[in-house]
Amino acid sequence: MDSGLKRGQKVALSKQVEESLSEASGSLRNALAFAARNEKPFVVKNIADMVLQIDSLIKTDELLDKLEDRKKGDSGLWGSFFTD
């Protein structure tokens, strides 16, 4: 399956997508607060899982951006993990 991306081409979340995801996470956190008092545990768990997935997506994108932007040979805070 061809994604249309060339090797080395950067893909980052657009600002609009990241803002929408953060907004969705906030709304889900609000729902989670109410659900914790009134809903069955499986509802609470599934809302919490959605918040986790959104937050993980945003943080993983940030990490990948940092890795893609590093200079060749620069290990930064990673020590010897990267050896170009």
N, C-alpha and C. Protein backbone atom coordinates (compact mmCIF):
# COMPACT_ATOMS: atom_id res chain seq x y z
N MET A 1 0.83 -1.16 0.00
CA MET A 1 0.00 0.00 0.00
C MET A 1 0.89 1.24 0.00
N ASP A 2 0.71 2.13 -0.93
CA ASP A 2 1.50 3.34 -1.06
C ASP A 2 0.81 4.47 -0.33
N SER A 3 1.51 5.06 0.66
CA SER A 3 0.92 6.15 1.43
C SER A 3 1.11 7.49 0.76
N GLY A 4 1.89 7.54 -0.33
CA GLY A 4 2.13 8.79 -1.02
C GLY A 4 3.27 9.58 -0.42
N LEU A 5 3.91 9.04 0.62
CA LEU A 5 5.02 9.73 1.27
C LEU A 5 6.34 9.20 0.76
N LYS A 6 7.28 10.09 0.61
CA LYS A 6 8.62 9.68 0.22
C LYS A 6 9.45 9.48 1.47
N ARG A 7 10.45 8.63 1.37
CA ARG A 7 11.32 8.35 2.52
C ARG A 7 11.93 9.66 3.03
N GLY A 8 11.89 9.86 4.34
CA GLY A 8 12.45 11.04 4.95
C GLY A 8 11.49 12.22 5.02
N GLN A 9 10.33 12.09 4.39
CA GLN A 9 9.35 13.18 4.40
C GLN A 9 8.69 13.23 5.77
N LYS A 10 8.61 14.43 6.34
CA LYS A 10 8.04 14.60 7.67
C LYS A 10 6.52 14.69 7.62
N VAL A 11 5.90 14.06 8.60
CA VAL A 11 4.46 14.15 8.74
C VAL A 11 4.19 14.51 10.20
N ALA A 12 3.58 15.64 10.42
CA ALA A 12 3.25 16.07 11.77
C ALA A 12 1.78 16.43 11.82
N LEU A 13 1.25 16.40 13.03
CA LEU A 13 -0.13 16.82 13.19
C LEU A 13 -0.21 18.31 12.89
N SER A 14 -1.20 18.70 12.13
CA SER A 14 -1.39 20.13 11.88
C SER A 14 -1.85 20.77 13.18
N LYS A 15 -1.64 22.07 13.28
CA LYS A 15 -2.03 22.80 14.48
C LYS A 15 -3.53 22.64 14.74
N GLN A 16 -4.32 22.68 13.67
CA GLN A 16 -5.77 22.55 13.81
C GLN A 16 -6.16 21.18 14.36
N VAL A 17 -5.51 20.13 13.85
CA VAL A 17 -5.81 18.77 14.33
C VAL A 17 -5.39 18.64 15.79
N GLU A 18 -4.19 19.14 16.12
CA GLU A 18 -3.73 19.05 17.50
C GLU A 18 -4.66 19.80 18.45
N GLU A 19 -5.10 20.99 18.05
CA GLU A 19 -6.04 21.76 18.89
C GLU A 19 -7.37 21.03 19.05
N SER A 20 -7.85 20.43 17.97
CA SER A 20 -9.12 19.69 18.04
C SER A 20 -8.99 18.48 18.94
N LEU A 21 -7.86 17.79 18.86
CA LEU A 21 -7.63 16.64 19.73
C LEU A 21 -7.55 17.07 21.19
N SER A 22 -6.88 18.17 21.45
CA SER A 22 -6.78 18.67 22.84
C SER A 22 -8.15 19.07 23.37
N GLU A 23 -8.95 19.68 22.51
CA GLU A 23 -10.32 20.05 22.89
C GLU A 23 -11.16 18.80 23.19
N ALA A 24 -11.02 17.79 22.33
CA ALA A 24 -11.75 16.54 22.54
C ALA A 24 -11.31 15.87 23.85
N SER A 25 -10.02 15.91 24.12
CA SER A 25 -9.51 15.33 25.36
C SER A 25 -10.10 16.06 26.57
N GLY A 26 -10.18 17.38 26.50
CA GLY A 26 -10.77 18.15 27.59
C GLY A 26 -12.23 17.81 27.81
N SER A 27 -12.98 17.66 26.72
CA SER A 27 -14.40 17.30 26.82
C SER A 27 -14.55 15.90 27.41
N LEU A 28 -13.69 14.98 27.00
CA LEU A 28 -13.75 13.62 27.54
C LEU A 28 -13.37 13.60 29.02
N ARG A 29 -12.42 14.44 29.41
CA ARG A 29 -12.07 14.52 30.84
C ARG A 29 -13.26 15.03 31.66
N ASN A 30 -13.98 15.98 31.10
CA ASN A 30 -15.17 16.48 31.77
C ASN A 30 -16.22 15.37 31.89
N ALA A 31 -16.41 14.63 30.81
CA ALA A 31 -17.36 13.51 30.83
C ALA A 31 -16.90 12.45 31.84
N LEU A 32 -15.61 12.24 31.91
CA LEU A 32 -15.05 11.26 32.85
C LEU A 32 -15.36 11.64 34.29
N ALA A 33 -15.27 12.93 34.61
CA ALA A 33 -15.55 13.39 35.96
C ALA A 33 -17.00 13.08 36.35
N PHE A 34 -17.93 13.31 35.43
CA PHE A 34 -19.33 13.00 35.71
C PHE A 34 -19.58 11.50 35.72
N ALA A 35 -18.94 10.80 34.78
CA ALA A 35 -19.15 9.35 34.69
C ALA A 35 -18.65 8.62 35.93
N ALA A 36 -17.58 9.14 36.52
CA ALA A 36 -17.02 8.49 37.71
C ALA A 36 -18.02 8.43 38.85
N ARG A 37 -18.94 9.37 38.87
CA ARG A 37 -19.93 9.41 39.95
C ARG A 37 -21.24 8.70 39.60
N ASN A 38 -21.54 8.59 38.30
CA ASN A 38 -22.88 8.14 37.93
C ASN A 38 -22.96 6.92 37.02
N GLU A 39 -21.87 6.54 36.40
CA GLU A 39 -21.95 5.48 35.39
C GLU A 39 -21.31 4.18 35.87
N LYS A 40 -21.54 3.14 35.08
CA LYS A 40 -20.95 1.84 35.37
C LYS A 40 -19.45 1.90 35.09
N PRO A 41 -18.68 1.08 35.80
CA PRO A 41 -17.22 1.12 35.66
C PRO A 41 -16.72 0.94 34.22
N PHE A 42 -17.37 0.11 33.41
CA PHE A 42 -16.87 -0.10 32.06
C PHE A 42 -17.01 1.17 31.21
N VAL A 43 -18.00 2.02 31.51
CA VAL A 43 -18.15 3.30 30.81
C VAL A 43 -16.99 4.22 31.19
N VAL A 44 -16.69 4.28 32.49
CA VAL A 44 -15.59 5.11 32.98
C VAL A 44 -14.27 4.65 32.36
N LYS A 45 -14.05 3.36 32.33
CA LYS A 45 -12.81 2.80 31.78
C LYS A 45 -12.66 3.16 30.31
N ASN A 46 -13.72 3.05 29.55
CA ASN A 46 -13.64 3.33 28.11
C ASN A 46 -13.42 4.82 27.83
N ILE A 47 -14.01 5.68 28.62
CA ILE A 47 -13.76 7.12 28.45
C ILE A 47 -12.29 7.41 28.79
N ALA A 48 -11.81 6.83 29.87
CA ALA A 48 -10.40 7.02 30.25
C ALA A 48 -9.46 6.51 29.16
N ASP A 49 -9.80 5.40 28.54
CA ASP A 49 -8.98 4.86 27.44
C ASP A 49 -8.93 5.82 26.26
N MET A 50 -10.06 6.46 25.96
CA MET A 50 -10.08 7.42 24.86
C MET A 50 -9.19 8.62 25.16
N VAL A 51 -9.24 9.11 26.41
CA VAL A 51 -8.38 10.22 26.80
C VAL A 51 -6.92 9.81 26.66
N LEU A 52 -6.59 8.61 27.13
CA LEU A 52 -5.22 8.10 27.03
C LEU A 52 -4.76 8.03 25.58
N GLN A 53 -5.59 7.52 24.70
CA GLN A 53 -5.22 7.39 23.29
C GLN A 53 -4.97 8.75 22.64
N ILE A 54 -5.82 9.72 22.93
CA ILE A 54 -5.64 11.05 22.36
C ILE A 54 -4.36 11.69 22.88
N ASP A 55 -4.16 11.64 24.20
CA ASP A 55 -2.96 12.23 24.79
C ASP A 55 -1.69 11.54 24.29
N SER A 56 -1.75 10.22 24.14
CA SER A 56 -0.60 9.48 23.63
C SER A 56 -0.29 9.86 22.19
N LEU A 57 -1.31 10.05 21.39
CA LEU A 57 -1.12 10.46 19.99
C LEU A 57 -0.40 11.80 19.91
N ILE A 58 -0.84 12.75 20.70
CA ILE A 58 -0.22 14.09 20.69
C ILE A 58 1.23 14.01 21.16
N LYS A 59 1.47 13.32 22.26
CA LYS A 59 2.83 13.23 22.81
C LYS A 59 3.76 12.45 21.89
N THR A 60 3.26 11.39 21.28
CA THR A 60 4.08 10.60 20.36
C THR A 60 4.45 11.42 19.14
N ASP A 61 3.51 12.22 18.65
CA ASP A 61 3.80 13.09 17.51
C ASP A 61 4.90 14.08 17.86
N GLU A 62 4.84 14.66 19.07
CA GLU A 62 5.87 15.59 19.52
C GLU A 62 7.23 14.92 19.58
N LEU A 63 7.27 13.70 20.11
CA LEU A 63 8.52 12.95 20.21
C LEU A 63 9.09 12.65 18.83
N LEU A 64 8.24 12.21 17.92
CA LEU A 64 8.70 11.91 16.57
C LEU A 64 9.22 13.15 15.86
N ASP A 65 8.58 14.29 16.09
CA ASP A 65 9.08 15.54 15.53
C ASP A 65 10.49 15.84 16.02
N LYS A 66 10.72 15.65 17.32
CA LYS A 66 12.06 15.90 17.88
C LYS A 66 13.09 14.95 17.29
N LEU A 67 12.71 13.69 17.13
CA LEU A 67 13.64 12.72 16.55
C LEU A 67 13.95 13.04 15.09
N GLU A 68 12.94 13.47 14.34
CA GLU A 68 13.15 13.79 12.94
C GLU A 68 14.00 15.05 12.77
N ASP A 69 13.92 15.98 13.72
CA ASP A 69 14.63 17.25 13.62
C ASP A 69 16.07 17.19 14.14
N ARG A 70 16.46 16.09 14.75
CA ARG A 70 17.81 16.04 15.31
C ARG A 70 18.85 16.04 14.19
N LYS A 71 19.99 16.57 14.50
CA LYS A 71 21.08 16.63 13.53
C LYS A 71 21.78 15.29 13.49
N LYS A 72 22.28 14.94 12.33
CA LYS A 72 23.00 13.67 12.16
C LYS A 72 24.17 13.63 13.14
N GLY A 73 24.26 12.56 13.89
CA GLY A 73 25.33 12.39 14.86
C GLY A 73 25.03 12.95 16.23
N ASP A 74 23.95 13.71 16.37
CA ASP A 74 23.59 14.31 17.65
C ASP A 74 22.78 13.31 18.46
N SER A 75 23.30 12.94 19.61
CA SER A 75 22.56 12.00 20.46
C SER A 75 21.73 12.74 21.50
N GLY A 76 21.99 14.03 21.68
CA GLY A 76 21.21 14.82 22.64
C GLY A 76 21.18 14.16 23.98
N LEU A 77 20.01 14.02 24.54
CA LEU A 77 19.85 13.39 25.86
C LEU A 77 19.70 11.87 25.77
N TRP A 78 19.83 11.33 24.56
CA TRP A 78 19.60 9.91 24.35
C TRP A 78 20.86 9.09 24.58
N GLY A 79 21.99 9.73 24.80
CA GLY A 79 23.24 8.99 25.02
C GLY A 79 23.65 8.27 23.75
N SER A 80 24.06 7.03 23.89
CA SER A 80 24.54 6.27 22.74
C SER A 80 23.43 5.50 22.02
N PHE A 81 22.18 5.83 22.31
CA PHE A 81 21.07 5.13 21.68
C PHE A 81 21.09 5.32 20.17
N PHE A 82 21.51 6.51 19.72
CA PHE A 82 21.60 6.78 18.30
C PHE A 82 23.05 6.85 17.88
N THR A 83 23.41 6.01 16.97
CA THR A 83 24.75 6.08 16.39
C THR A 83 24.59 6.08 14.89
N ASP A 84 24.75 7.26 14.28
CA ASP A 84 24.60 7.41 12.82
C ASP A 84 25.83 6.91 12.11
